[in-house]
Amino acid sequence: MSGVPGGAAGDIVTFDNVGLRYGADREVLSDVSFTLHPGGFYFLTGASGAGKTSMLKLLYLAQRPSRGAIRMFGTDVITLPRERLPRFRRRLGVVFQDFRLVPHLSAFDNVALPLRVSGVREGELRQPVTDMLEWVGLSERLDARPATLSGGEQQRVAIARAVIGRPDMLVADEPTGNVDPDMALKLLRLFEALNRLGTTVVVATHDVHLLRKVPDSLIMRLDKGRLSDPTGALRFPPRRAQRPIEDGDFA
């Protein structure tokens, strides 16, 4: 499938001394600063409770920080009026750890949901949704409901739904946590394929074995709410690129 989303001009996201506090005493993020660039592939890692999910919520605009500054696509999103947030969220794709598929909808209708919400006409839905499900290896499961799909299949529906709106950035929270190691690598290769087409990808994971699987990826490590490296990211050396996704990879 062609025409999967590309990145925006300029920096995608900048965090400047961001902190996040729940209640009076619980600070989950402290003095976090980093920049995400168009077309980058980033892993966010750290122990359970390190603050990964909290940082992702800030990235996909589900939460505002307690202090600091966040700029997204050149705009200060902290002071952005709430009525303007949906326009920014449409530039983001989110893959949740628990999939969050609508149980009574088919795979096709789950993937079509963001387009319908955006006002795309029904007659214009079928081809892009069918193409997207084919891209993730589910062309034979268009009418299947989530309860009849395996964990890996549900995750691929969630990925297809996240990217159908052509976002500039994809954010994935522990996307391989509910699948076996073989399927985890296949899902990671989907993210690689999307990234090769220009989309900025951020994957939160506790699986250290995945971290060296993506050529030239950047690793951000959280430790008790702080980035453990003062530069914000550690780069693994380039590796030979993986072969592209082919028919039968998800058979």
Protein backbone atom coordinates (compact mmCIF):
# COMPACT_ATOMS: atom_id res chain seq x y z
CA MET A 1 0.00 0.00 0.00
CA SER A 2 1.36 3.43 -0.85
CA GLY A 3 0.79 6.87 0.60
CA VAL A 4 1.13 6.00 4.27
CA PRO A 5 1.76 9.20 6.27
CA GLY A 6 4.91 11.28 6.35
CA GLY A 7 6.37 13.68 8.89
CA ALA A 8 5.83 17.42 9.21
CA ALA A 9 8.46 20.08 8.54
CA GLY A 10 10.41 21.20 11.61
CA ASP A 11 10.53 19.50 14.99
CA ILE A 12 7.60 17.25 15.81
CA VAL A 13 7.69 17.66 19.61
CA THR A 14 9.84 19.55 22.12
CA PHE A 15 9.65 19.02 25.90
CA ASP A 16 11.38 21.69 28.01
CA ASN A 17 11.80 20.93 31.74
CA VAL A 18 8.44 19.19 31.86
CA GLY A 19 7.10 17.93 35.16
CA LEU A 20 3.91 16.02 35.95
CA ARG A 21 2.46 15.66 39.41
CA TYR A 22 -0.52 13.63 40.60
CA GLY A 23 -1.84 15.12 43.81
CA ALA A 24 0.28 17.09 46.26
CA ASP A 25 3.12 14.63 46.77
CA ARG A 26 3.41 12.28 43.78
CA GLU A 27 5.62 13.61 41.00
CA VAL A 28 5.77 11.08 38.16
CA LEU A 29 7.88 13.14 35.72
CA SER A 30 10.56 15.64 36.65
CA ASP A 31 12.59 18.06 34.49
CA VAL A 32 12.11 16.07 31.27
CA SER A 33 13.59 17.71 28.17
CA PHE A 34 13.95 16.27 24.66
CA THR A 35 13.12 16.89 21.01
CA LEU A 36 11.53 14.47 18.54
CA HIS A 37 12.47 15.05 14.90
CA PRO A 38 10.47 14.17 11.78
CA GLY A 39 11.09 10.63 10.59
CA GLY A 40 12.79 9.46 13.79
CA PHE A 41 12.22 6.09 15.45
CA TYR A 42 12.26 6.36 19.25
CA PHE A 43 12.02 3.75 21.98
CA LEU A 44 10.88 4.88 25.42
CA THR A 45 11.97 2.40 28.04
CA GLY A 46 12.26 2.05 31.80
CA ALA A 47 11.15 -0.08 34.71
CA SER A 48 7.51 -0.40 35.69
CA GLY A 49 6.47 2.85 37.34
CA ALA A 50 9.22 4.87 35.65
CA GLY A 51 6.67 7.19 34.04
CA LYS A 52 6.45 5.83 30.48
CA THR A 53 2.66 5.84 30.22
CA SER A 54 2.47 9.29 31.80
CA MET A 55 4.91 10.65 29.22
CA LEU A 56 2.92 9.07 26.40
CA LYS A 57 -0.26 10.71 27.69
CA LEU A 58 1.50 14.05 27.38
CA LEU A 59 2.65 13.14 23.88
CA TYR A 60 -0.82 12.29 22.62
CA LEU A 61 -2.40 15.24 24.43
CA ALA A 62 -4.48 13.25 26.90
CA GLN A 63 -2.93 15.20 29.77
CA ARG A 64 -1.32 18.56 30.46
CA PRO A 65 1.91 18.86 32.47
CA SER A 66 2.13 20.44 35.89
CA ARG A 67 5.05 22.61 34.75
CA GLY A 68 7.41 23.16 31.86
CA ALA A 69 6.74 23.73 28.17
CA ILE A 70 5.61 21.42 25.37
CA ARG A 71 5.65 22.49 21.73
CA MET A 72 4.08 20.29 19.08
CA PHE A 73 4.28 21.07 15.36
CA GLY A 74 5.58 24.52 16.30
CA THR A 75 2.70 25.36 18.66
CA ASP A 76 2.64 25.68 22.45
CA VAL A 77 0.06 23.01 23.26
CA ILE A 78 -0.08 23.77 26.99
CA THR A 79 -1.81 27.10 26.41
CA LEU A 80 -3.78 25.82 23.41
CA PRO A 81 -7.55 26.24 23.90
CA ARG A 82 -9.27 22.90 24.39
CA GLU A 83 -11.46 23.43 21.33
CA ARG A 84 -8.31 23.40 19.17
CA LEU A 85 -6.90 20.15 20.61
CA PRO A 86 -8.86 17.82 18.28
CA ARG A 87 -7.12 19.34 15.25
CA PHE A 88 -3.75 18.50 16.77
CA ARG A 89 -4.83 15.04 17.86
CA ARG A 90 -5.73 14.22 14.26
CA ARG A 91 -2.03 14.52 13.47
CA LEU A 92 -1.28 11.75 15.98
CA GLY A 93 -1.91 8.01 15.87
CA VAL A 94 -2.11 6.10 19.15
CA VAL A 95 -1.80 2.35 19.77
CA PHE A 96 -2.95 1.47 23.27
CA GLN A 97 -1.60 -1.46 25.28
CA ASP A 98 -5.11 -2.87 25.71
CA PHE A 99 -6.04 -2.24 22.02
CA ARG A 100 -9.29 -0.36 22.88
CA LEU A 101 -11.16 -1.80 19.92
CA VAL A 102 -14.93 -1.32 19.87
CA PRO A 103 -16.19 -4.86 20.61
CA HIS A 104 -19.40 -4.76 18.56
CA LEU A 105 -17.67 -3.41 15.44
CA SER A 106 -15.89 -5.47 12.79
CA ALA A 107 -12.19 -5.04 12.05
CA PHE A 108 -13.20 -2.95 9.03
CA ASP A 109 -15.47 -0.67 11.05
CA ASN A 110 -12.91 -0.24 13.85
CA VAL A 111 -10.33 0.94 11.33
CA ALA A 112 -12.88 3.14 9.54
CA LEU A 113 -13.94 4.85 12.78
CA PRO A 114 -11.40 7.74 12.70
CA LEU A 115 -12.35 8.53 9.09
CA ARG A 116 -16.05 8.53 9.91
CA VAL A 117 -15.46 10.82 12.88
CA SER A 118 -13.53 13.15 10.55
CA GLY A 119 -16.48 13.29 8.16
CA VAL A 120 -15.18 11.11 5.33
CA ARG A 121 -18.06 9.93 3.15
CA GLU A 122 -19.02 6.26 3.28
CA GLY A 123 -18.33 5.80 -0.41
CA GLU A 124 -14.76 6.98 0.11
CA LEU A 125 -14.02 4.66 3.04
CA ARG A 126 -13.86 1.17 1.59
CA GLN A 127 -10.72 1.37 -0.48
CA PRO A 128 -8.39 3.04 2.06
CA VAL A 129 -9.64 0.87 4.93
CA THR A 130 -9.35 -2.31 2.88
CA ASP A 131 -5.86 -1.28 1.76
CA MET A 132 -4.80 -0.58 5.34
CA LEU A 133 -6.04 -3.94 6.61
CA GLU A 134 -4.24 -5.62 3.72
CA TRP A 135 -1.08 -3.73 4.70
CA VAL A 136 -1.20 -5.24 8.20
CA GLY A 137 -1.95 -8.71 6.84
CA LEU A 138 -5.65 -8.90 7.69
CA SER A 139 -7.31 -8.76 4.28
CA GLU A 140 -9.23 -11.96 5.08
CA ARG A 141 -10.55 -10.68 8.43
CA LEU A 142 -12.43 -7.53 7.44
CA ASP A 143 -15.73 -8.67 8.96
CA ALA A 144 -14.29 -10.28 12.10
CA ARG A 145 -15.18 -8.80 15.48
CA PRO A 146 -12.44 -8.34 18.10
CA ALA A 147 -13.55 -11.32 20.22
CA THR A 148 -12.84 -13.66 17.30
CA LEU A 149 -9.33 -12.29 16.67
CA SER A 150 -6.09 -13.38 18.31
CA GLY A 151 -4.09 -10.91 20.40
CA GLY A 152 -1.72 -10.25 17.52
CA GLU A 153 -4.60 -9.72 15.10
CA GLN A 154 -6.30 -7.29 17.48
CA GLN A 155 -3.06 -5.37 17.84
CA ARG A 156 -2.71 -5.11 14.06
CA VAL A 157 -6.28 -3.78 13.79
CA ALA A 158 -5.34 -1.21 16.43
CA ILE A 159 -2.23 -0.24 14.43
CA ALA A 160 -4.27 0.07 11.23
CA ARG A 161 -6.80 2.28 13.03
CA ALA A 162 -3.99 4.44 14.42
CA VAL A 163 -2.44 5.18 11.02
CA ILE A 164 -5.53 5.30 8.77
CA GLY A 165 -5.80 9.06 9.35
CA ARG A 166 -2.23 9.59 8.06
CA PRO A 167 -0.72 10.96 11.30
CA ASP A 168 2.62 12.73 11.48
CA MET A 169 3.54 10.76 14.61
CA LEU A 170 2.61 7.30 15.88
CA VAL A 171 2.70 6.67 19.64
CA ALA A 172 2.49 3.05 20.85
CA ASP A 173 2.21 2.00 24.51
CA GLU A 174 3.72 -1.48 25.08
CA PRO A 175 2.40 -2.70 21.70
CA THR A 176 4.12 -6.09 22.03
CA GLY A 177 3.18 -6.77 25.64
CA ASN A 178 0.27 -9.08 24.84
CA VAL A 179 1.80 -11.18 22.05
CA ASP A 180 4.45 -13.88 21.76
CA PRO A 181 8.06 -13.01 20.75
CA ASP A 182 7.57 -14.00 17.12
CA MET A 183 4.51 -11.78 16.73
CA ALA A 184 6.29 -9.00 18.64
CA LEU A 185 9.00 -8.89 15.97
CA LYS A 186 6.40 -8.89 13.19
CA LEU A 187 4.58 -5.98 14.80
CA LEU A 188 7.87 -4.14 15.19
CA ARG A 189 8.51 -4.59 11.48
CA LEU A 190 5.16 -2.91 10.78
CA PHE A 191 6.38 0.11 12.73
CA GLU A 192 9.67 0.01 10.81
CA ALA A 193 7.82 -0.04 7.49
CA LEU A 194 5.73 2.94 8.54
CA ASN A 195 8.83 4.77 9.75
CA ARG A 196 10.63 4.16 6.45
CA LEU A 197 7.78 6.05 4.79
CA GLY A 198 8.53 9.08 6.95
CA THR A 199 6.33 8.82 10.04
CA THR A 200 7.89 9.60 13.41
CA VAL A 201 7.40 6.55 15.66
CA VAL A 202 7.54 6.42 19.46
CA VAL A 203 7.30 2.97 21.06
CA ALA A 204 7.18 2.52 24.84
CA THR A 205 8.43 -0.91 25.89
CA HIS A 206 9.99 -2.77 28.79
CA ASP A 207 11.29 -5.48 26.42
CA VAL A 208 15.04 -4.86 26.16
CA HIS A 209 15.32 -7.48 23.41
CA LEU A 210 13.39 -5.23 21.02
CA LEU A 211 15.65 -2.24 21.46
CA ARG A 212 18.36 -3.39 19.04
CA LYS A 213 15.96 -4.60 16.37
CA VAL A 214 15.48 -1.25 14.65
CA PRO A 215 18.42 0.21 12.70
CA ASP A 216 19.58 3.61 13.92
CA SER A 217 16.86 3.94 16.56
CA LEU A 218 17.02 6.37 19.46
CA ILE A 219 16.49 5.15 23.02
CA MET A 220 15.03 7.33 25.76
CA ARG A 221 15.34 5.75 29.21
CA LEU A 222 13.18 6.91 32.09
CA ASP A 223 14.31 6.28 35.65
CA LYS A 224 11.93 7.38 38.40
CA GLY A 225 10.42 10.05 36.20
CA ARG A 226 13.69 11.43 34.81
CA LEU A 227 15.52 10.77 31.57
CA SER A 228 18.62 8.83 32.60
CA ASP A 229 20.81 10.34 29.86
CA PRO A 230 21.34 14.11 29.96
CA THR A 231 21.20 14.36 26.16
CA GLY A 232 17.74 12.79 26.25
CA ALA A 233 18.46 9.85 23.95
CA LEU A 234 21.01 7.14 23.22
CA ARG A 235 21.62 6.05 19.65
CA PHE A 236 22.31 2.48 18.64
CA PRO A 237 24.68 2.14 15.67
CA PRO A 238 23.08 1.48 12.28
CA ARG A 239 22.41 -2.13 11.37
CA ARG A 240 21.56 -3.69 8.05
CA ALA A 241 17.99 -2.72 7.22
CA GLN A 242 15.35 -5.40 7.58
CA ARG A 243 13.71 -6.64 4.39
CA PRO A 244 10.35 -5.03 3.60
CA ILE A 245 7.10 -6.64 4.68
CA GLU A 246 5.95 -9.21 2.18
CA ASP A 247 2.79 -11.19 1.55
CA GLY A 248 2.59 -14.15 3.90
CA ASP A 249 4.55 -12.57 6.75
CA PHE A 250 1.43 -12.70 8.94
CA ALA A 251 0.05 -16.00 7.70
